[in-house]
N, C-alpha and C. Protein backbone atom coordinates (compact mmCIF):
# COMPACT_ATOMS: atom_id res chain seq x y z
N MET A 1 5.89 -27.37 -4.55
CA MET A 1 5.87 -27.59 -2.83
C MET A 1 5.30 -26.24 -2.65
N ALA A 2 5.84 -25.11 -3.23
CA ALA A 2 5.22 -23.93 -3.02
C ALA A 2 3.98 -23.16 -3.08
N LEU A 3 3.61 -23.85 -3.99
CA LEU A 3 1.96 -23.89 -4.32
C LEU A 3 1.19 -24.38 -3.02
N TRP A 4 1.53 -25.65 -2.48
CA TRP A 4 1.01 -25.57 -1.24
C TRP A 4 0.94 -24.80 -0.09
N VAL A 5 2.14 -23.99 0.10
CA VAL A 5 2.65 -22.76 1.29
C VAL A 5 1.57 -21.77 0.79
N HIS A 6 1.46 -21.67 -0.80
CA HIS A 6 0.76 -20.73 -0.99
C HIS A 6 -0.54 -20.77 -0.46
N LEU A 7 -1.20 -22.04 -0.97
CA LEU A 7 -2.77 -22.62 -0.93
C LEU A 7 -3.24 -22.09 0.74
N ALA A 8 -1.98 -22.92 1.58
CA ALA A 8 -1.92 -22.82 3.31
C ALA A 8 -2.31 -21.70 3.68
N VAL A 9 -1.57 -20.66 3.07
CA VAL A 9 -1.79 -18.90 3.54
C VAL A 9 -3.19 -18.80 3.44
N SER A 10 -3.44 -19.09 2.11
CA SER A 10 -4.77 -18.58 1.60
C SER A 10 -5.85 -19.15 2.43
N LEU A 11 -5.75 -20.33 2.85
CA LEU A 11 -6.28 -21.29 3.77
C LEU A 11 -6.65 -20.66 5.10
N LEU A 12 -5.60 -20.16 5.42
CA LEU A 12 -5.70 -19.79 6.54
C LEU A 12 -6.20 -18.26 7.09
N PHE A 13 -6.09 -17.68 5.89
CA PHE A 13 -7.15 -15.95 5.48
C PHE A 13 -8.38 -16.50 5.65
N VAL A 14 -8.68 -17.64 4.68
CA VAL A 14 -10.26 -18.09 4.85
C VAL A 14 -10.55 -18.15 6.15
N LEU A 15 -10.13 -18.90 6.70
CA LEU A 15 -10.49 -19.32 8.05
C LEU A 15 -10.31 -18.20 9.08
N LEU A 16 -9.73 -17.30 8.61
CA LEU A 16 -9.63 -16.21 10.36
C LEU A 16 -10.94 -15.42 9.59
N GLY A 17 -11.41 -15.35 8.28
CA GLY A 17 -12.05 -14.77 7.76
C GLY A 17 -13.61 -15.30 8.27
N ILE A 18 -13.84 -16.35 8.52
CA ILE A 18 -14.84 -16.80 8.74
C ILE A 18 -14.98 -16.68 10.29
N VAL A 19 -13.97 -16.89 11.27
CA VAL A 19 -14.63 -16.47 12.35
C VAL A 19 -14.51 -15.29 13.14
N PHE A 20 -13.85 -14.12 11.83
CA PHE A 20 -14.49 -12.75 11.83
C PHE A 20 -15.84 -12.70 12.19
N LEU A 21 -16.40 -13.16 10.74
CA LEU A 21 -17.49 -12.86 10.14
C LEU A 21 -18.70 -13.11 11.86
N ARG A 22 -18.31 -14.31 12.58
CA ARG A 22 -18.98 -14.94 13.58
C ARG A 22 -19.10 -14.15 14.77
N GLY A 23 -18.20 -13.11 14.77
CA GLY A 23 -18.58 -12.03 15.55
C GLY A 23 -17.40 -12.69 16.78
N LYS A 24 -16.35 -13.58 16.31
CA LYS A 24 -15.38 -13.96 17.25
C LYS A 24 -14.03 -13.96 16.57
N GLY A 25 -12.97 -13.55 17.87
CA GLY A 25 -11.50 -13.17 17.40
C GLY A 25 -11.09 -12.25 17.86
N THR A 26 -12.23 -11.52 18.72
CA THR A 26 -11.26 -9.61 18.99
C THR A 26 -10.05 -10.13 19.56
N ALA A 27 -9.87 -11.05 20.27
CA ALA A 27 -8.53 -11.24 20.79
C ALA A 27 -7.29 -10.45 19.92
N LEU A 28 -7.39 -11.61 18.37
CA LEU A 28 -6.38 -11.64 17.66
C LEU A 28 -6.31 -10.26 16.62
N ILE A 29 -7.34 -9.08 16.99
CA ILE A 29 -7.46 -8.26 16.94
C ILE A 29 -6.17 -7.07 17.45
N ALA A 30 -5.25 -6.67 17.06
CA ALA A 30 -4.06 -6.16 17.97
C ALA A 30 -4.74 -4.71 18.60
N ASP A 31 -5.00 -3.93 17.76
CA ASP A 31 -5.17 -2.55 18.22
C ASP A 31 -6.49 -2.56 19.25
N TYR A 32 -7.73 -3.48 19.15
CA TYR A 32 -8.38 -3.83 19.95
C TYR A 32 -8.23 -4.54 21.19
N ASN A 33 -7.07 -5.47 21.32
CA ASN A 33 -6.49 -6.39 22.03
C ASN A 33 -5.87 -5.52 23.15
N THR A 34 -5.07 -4.63 22.39
CA THR A 34 -4.35 -3.92 23.57
C THR A 34 -5.17 -2.40 24.38
N ALA A 35 -6.43 -2.41 23.95
CA ALA A 35 -7.19 -1.22 24.22
C ALA A 35 -7.22 -1.66 25.99
N SER A 36 -7.61 0.06 26.16
CA SER A 36 -8.15 -0.37 27.91
C SER A 36 -9.64 -0.57 28.03
N GLU A 37 -10.00 -1.25 28.81
CA GLU A 37 -11.38 -1.57 28.89
C GLU A 37 -12.42 -0.56 28.54
N GLU A 38 -12.32 0.62 28.80
CA GLU A 38 -13.09 1.87 28.82
C GLU A 38 -13.14 2.07 27.68
N GLU A 39 -11.77 1.91 26.18
CA GLU A 39 -11.74 2.21 24.94
C GLU A 39 -12.98 0.94 24.43
N LYS A 40 -12.30 -0.48 24.94
CA LYS A 40 -13.16 -1.45 24.20
C LYS A 40 -14.62 -1.45 24.33
N MET A 41 -14.95 -0.71 25.42
CA MET A 41 -16.64 -0.56 25.68
C MET A 41 -17.10 0.55 24.50
N ALA A 42 -16.00 1.42 24.24
CA ALA A 42 -16.79 2.40 22.97
C ALA A 42 -16.60 2.07 21.49
N ILE A 43 -16.37 0.71 21.58
CA ILE A 43 -16.37 -0.02 20.02
C ILE A 43 -17.27 -0.65 19.86
N ASP A 44 -17.88 -1.02 18.22
CA ASP A 44 -19.22 -1.78 18.12
C ASP A 44 -17.94 -3.10 17.28
N GLU A 45 -17.96 -4.17 18.91
CA GLU A 45 -17.33 -5.69 18.43
C GLU A 45 -17.50 -5.86 16.93
N LYS A 46 -18.92 -6.55 16.84
CA LYS A 46 -19.41 -6.87 15.59
C LYS A 46 -19.00 -6.37 14.30
N LYS A 47 -19.30 -4.60 14.35
CA LYS A 47 -18.65 -4.02 13.01
C LYS A 47 -17.16 -3.99 12.89
N LEU A 48 -16.74 -4.20 14.09
CA LEU A 48 -15.32 -4.70 13.56
C LEU A 48 -14.84 -5.76 13.19
N CYS A 49 -15.50 -6.80 13.90
CA CYS A 49 -15.57 -8.28 12.93
C CYS A 49 -15.79 -8.02 11.98
N ARG A 50 -16.67 -7.79 11.74
CA ARG A 50 -17.35 -8.08 10.09
C ARG A 50 -16.47 -7.05 9.22
N PHE A 51 -15.74 -5.94 9.60
CA PHE A 51 -14.97 -5.66 8.56
C PHE A 51 -13.39 -6.47 8.87
N MET A 52 -13.06 -6.98 10.03
CA MET A 52 -11.46 -7.57 9.86
C MET A 52 -12.49 -9.16 8.96
N GLY A 53 -13.27 -10.05 8.69
CA GLY A 53 -13.57 -10.92 8.02
C GLY A 53 -13.37 -10.85 6.80
N LYS A 54 -13.92 -9.29 6.29
CA LYS A 54 -13.97 -9.55 4.73
C LYS A 54 -13.00 -8.70 4.46
N LEU A 55 -11.90 -8.07 4.91
CA LEU A 55 -11.08 -8.06 4.98
C LEU A 55 -9.87 -9.16 4.87
N MET A 56 -10.45 -10.05 6.00
CA MET A 56 -9.06 -11.49 5.86
C MET A 56 -9.42 -12.43 4.45
N PHE A 57 -10.98 -12.14 3.87
CA PHE A 57 -11.33 -12.53 2.74
C PHE A 57 -10.68 -11.88 1.30
N VAL A 58 -10.59 -10.66 1.26
CA VAL A 58 -9.63 -9.95 0.56
C VAL A 58 -8.34 -10.63 0.27
N LEU A 59 -7.76 -10.33 1.46
CA LEU A 59 -6.16 -10.48 1.91
C LEU A 59 -6.39 -12.36 0.99
N ALA A 60 -6.78 -13.28 1.66
CA ALA A 60 -6.91 -14.66 0.77
C ALA A 60 -7.03 -14.45 -0.84
N ALA A 61 -7.83 -14.04 -1.15
CA ALA A 61 -8.06 -13.43 -2.79
C ALA A 61 -6.56 -13.04 -3.20
N CYS A 62 -6.19 -12.32 -2.87
CA CYS A 62 -4.84 -11.47 -3.01
C CYS A 62 -3.58 -12.66 -2.94
N TRP A 63 -3.52 -13.35 -2.23
CA TRP A 63 -2.65 -14.47 -1.74
C TRP A 63 -2.90 -15.61 -2.85
N LEU A 64 -3.89 -15.64 -3.30
CA LEU A 64 -4.62 -16.53 -4.55
C LEU A 64 -3.88 -16.29 -5.88
N VAL A 65 -3.41 -14.87 -6.20
CA VAL A 65 -3.24 -14.31 -7.33
C VAL A 65 -2.15 -15.18 -7.40
N ALA A 66 -1.14 -14.47 -5.53
CA ALA A 66 0.26 -15.12 -5.75
C ALA A 66 0.68 -16.37 -6.36
N ALA A 67 -0.53 -16.88 -5.72
CA ALA A 67 -0.28 -19.25 -5.79
C ALA A 67 -0.30 -19.13 -7.51
N SER A 68 -1.22 -18.52 -8.11
CA SER A 68 -1.32 -18.94 -9.34
C SER A 68 -0.41 -18.67 -10.18
N SER A 69 0.70 -18.10 -9.72
CA SER A 69 2.10 -17.61 -10.50
C SER A 69 2.74 -19.04 -10.38
N GLU A 70 2.71 -19.95 -9.31
CA GLU A 70 2.88 -21.30 -9.47
C GLU A 70 2.40 -22.23 -10.66
N VAL A 71 1.15 -22.02 -10.90
CA VAL A 71 0.25 -23.18 -12.00
C VAL A 71 0.74 -22.49 -13.12
N PHE A 72 0.81 -20.93 -13.41
CA PHE A 72 1.25 -20.48 -14.88
C PHE A 72 2.28 -20.32 -15.15
N HIS A 73 3.66 -20.42 -14.09
CA HIS A 73 4.85 -20.63 -14.11
C HIS A 73 5.23 -18.87 -14.73
N LEU A 74 4.47 -17.56 -14.16
CA LEU A 74 4.42 -16.55 -14.48
C LEU A 74 4.79 -15.76 -13.22
N LYS A 75 6.06 -15.04 -13.00
CA LYS A 75 6.49 -14.51 -11.38
C LYS A 75 5.89 -13.37 -11.49
N ALA A 76 5.31 -12.77 -12.84
CA ALA A 76 4.66 -11.15 -12.74
C ALA A 76 3.52 -11.58 -11.74
N LEU A 77 2.77 -13.01 -12.09
CA LEU A 77 1.86 -12.90 -10.69
C LEU A 77 1.93 -13.17 -9.66
N LEU A 78 3.03 -13.62 -9.07
CA LEU A 78 3.57 -13.35 -7.68
C LEU A 78 3.88 -11.70 -7.49
N TRP A 79 4.28 -11.08 -8.15
CA TRP A 79 4.55 -9.68 -7.88
C TRP A 79 3.64 -9.11 -7.91
N VAL A 80 2.54 -9.31 -8.50
CA VAL A 80 0.99 -8.58 -8.49
C VAL A 80 0.50 -8.69 -6.98
N GLY A 81 0.37 -10.37 -7.13
CA GLY A 81 -0.58 -10.77 -5.85
C GLY A 81 0.20 -10.19 -4.26
N ILE A 82 1.51 -9.96 -4.73
CA ILE A 82 2.28 -9.58 -3.24
C ILE A 82 1.71 -8.00 -3.00
N ALA A 83 2.07 -7.40 -4.35
CA ALA A 83 1.30 -5.98 -4.22
C ALA A 83 -0.17 -5.63 -3.85
N LEU A 84 -1.12 -6.79 -4.51
CA LEU A 84 -2.49 -6.22 -4.26
C LEU A 84 -2.57 -6.47 -2.56
N PHE A 85 -1.82 -7.35 -2.20
CA PHE A 85 -1.79 -7.84 -0.80
C PHE A 85 -1.48 -7.15 0.12
N LEU A 86 -0.29 -6.36 -0.42
CA LEU A 86 0.34 -5.03 0.77
C LEU A 86 -0.47 -3.88 0.20
N VAL A 87 -1.04 -3.75 -1.01
CA VAL A 87 -2.38 -2.65 -0.44
C VAL A 87 -3.53 -2.58 -0.28
N ALA A 88 -4.27 -3.96 -0.06
CA ALA A 88 -5.13 -4.52 0.80
C ALA A 88 -5.09 -4.16 2.19
N ALA A 89 -3.84 -4.94 2.93
CA ALA A 89 -3.23 -4.77 4.16
C ALA A 89 -3.54 -3.58 4.85
N PHE A 90 -2.58 -2.61 4.38
CA PHE A 90 -2.17 -1.16 4.70
C PHE A 90 -3.85 -0.50 4.36
N GLY A 91 -4.60 -0.79 3.13
CA GLY A 91 -5.96 -0.33 3.13
C GLY A 91 -6.31 -0.09 4.27
N GLY A 92 -6.55 -1.57 4.43
CA GLY A 92 -7.50 -1.73 5.52
C GLY A 92 -7.20 -1.12 6.61
N VAL A 93 -5.97 -1.46 7.19
CA VAL A 93 -5.36 -0.82 8.50
C VAL A 93 -5.42 0.66 8.83
N ILE A 94 -5.33 1.28 7.56
CA ILE A 94 -5.70 2.98 7.29
C ILE A 94 -7.17 3.09 7.87
N TYR A 95 -7.94 2.20 6.55
CA TYR A 95 -9.90 2.40 6.84
C TYR A 95 -10.24 2.25 8.27
N ALA A 96 -9.30 1.20 9.00
CA ALA A 96 -10.07 0.90 10.21
C ALA A 96 -9.54 1.77 11.36
N ASN A 97 -8.63 2.66 11.36
CA ASN A 97 -7.64 3.38 12.13
C ASN A 97 -8.32 4.31 12.01
N THR A 98 -9.15 4.82 10.89
CA THR A 98 -9.42 6.47 10.89
C THR A 98 -11.05 6.71 11.06
N GLY A 99 -11.45 7.77 10.77
CA GLY A 99 -13.32 8.19 10.98
C GLY A 99 -13.73 7.36 12.14
N HIS A 100 -13.39 6.66 13.16
CA HIS A 100 -14.08 6.26 14.29
C HIS A 100 -15.46 5.84 13.51
N ARG A 101 -15.28 4.93 12.54
CA ARG A 101 -15.91 3.56 12.17
C ARG A 101 -16.58 2.71 12.71
N PHE A 102 -15.63 1.90 13.99
CA PHE A 102 -15.84 1.47 14.64
C PHE A 102 -16.93 1.60 16.03
N GLU A 103 -16.95 3.19 16.35
CA GLU A 103 -17.16 3.38 17.70
C GLU A 103 -18.72 2.55 17.69
N LYS A 104 -19.13 2.65 18.52
CA LYS A 104 -20.75 2.84 18.82
C LYS A 104 -21.75 4.00 18.85
N GLU A 105 -22.73 3.64 18.32
CA GLU A 105 -24.22 4.71 18.05
C GLU A 105 -24.76 4.58 19.10
N TRP A 106 -24.79 5.36 20.32
CA TRP A 106 -25.41 5.81 21.43
C TRP A 106 -26.28 6.54 21.09
């Protein structure tokens, strides 16, 4: 049963990754969604969506590591997958919110 839940979560991240790589789904990005119209005008949506899409695929891969714990009956894989997931998620948030990486180049 738990394997199916893990696989469903991974599939959700893959689907989100596809949506973001197509340049859609900016309403799902919290910081962008709550920004003012002026702030949104300064952000390169394509760059932001491309980054978020890649991040979703990385998160799906991390969750698949956790899912493999059910297949191999190793709890250590669950903890490794969760640790990788947290590192990738927090690293992605820090990367996205520092360095003005997604501002439009005028």
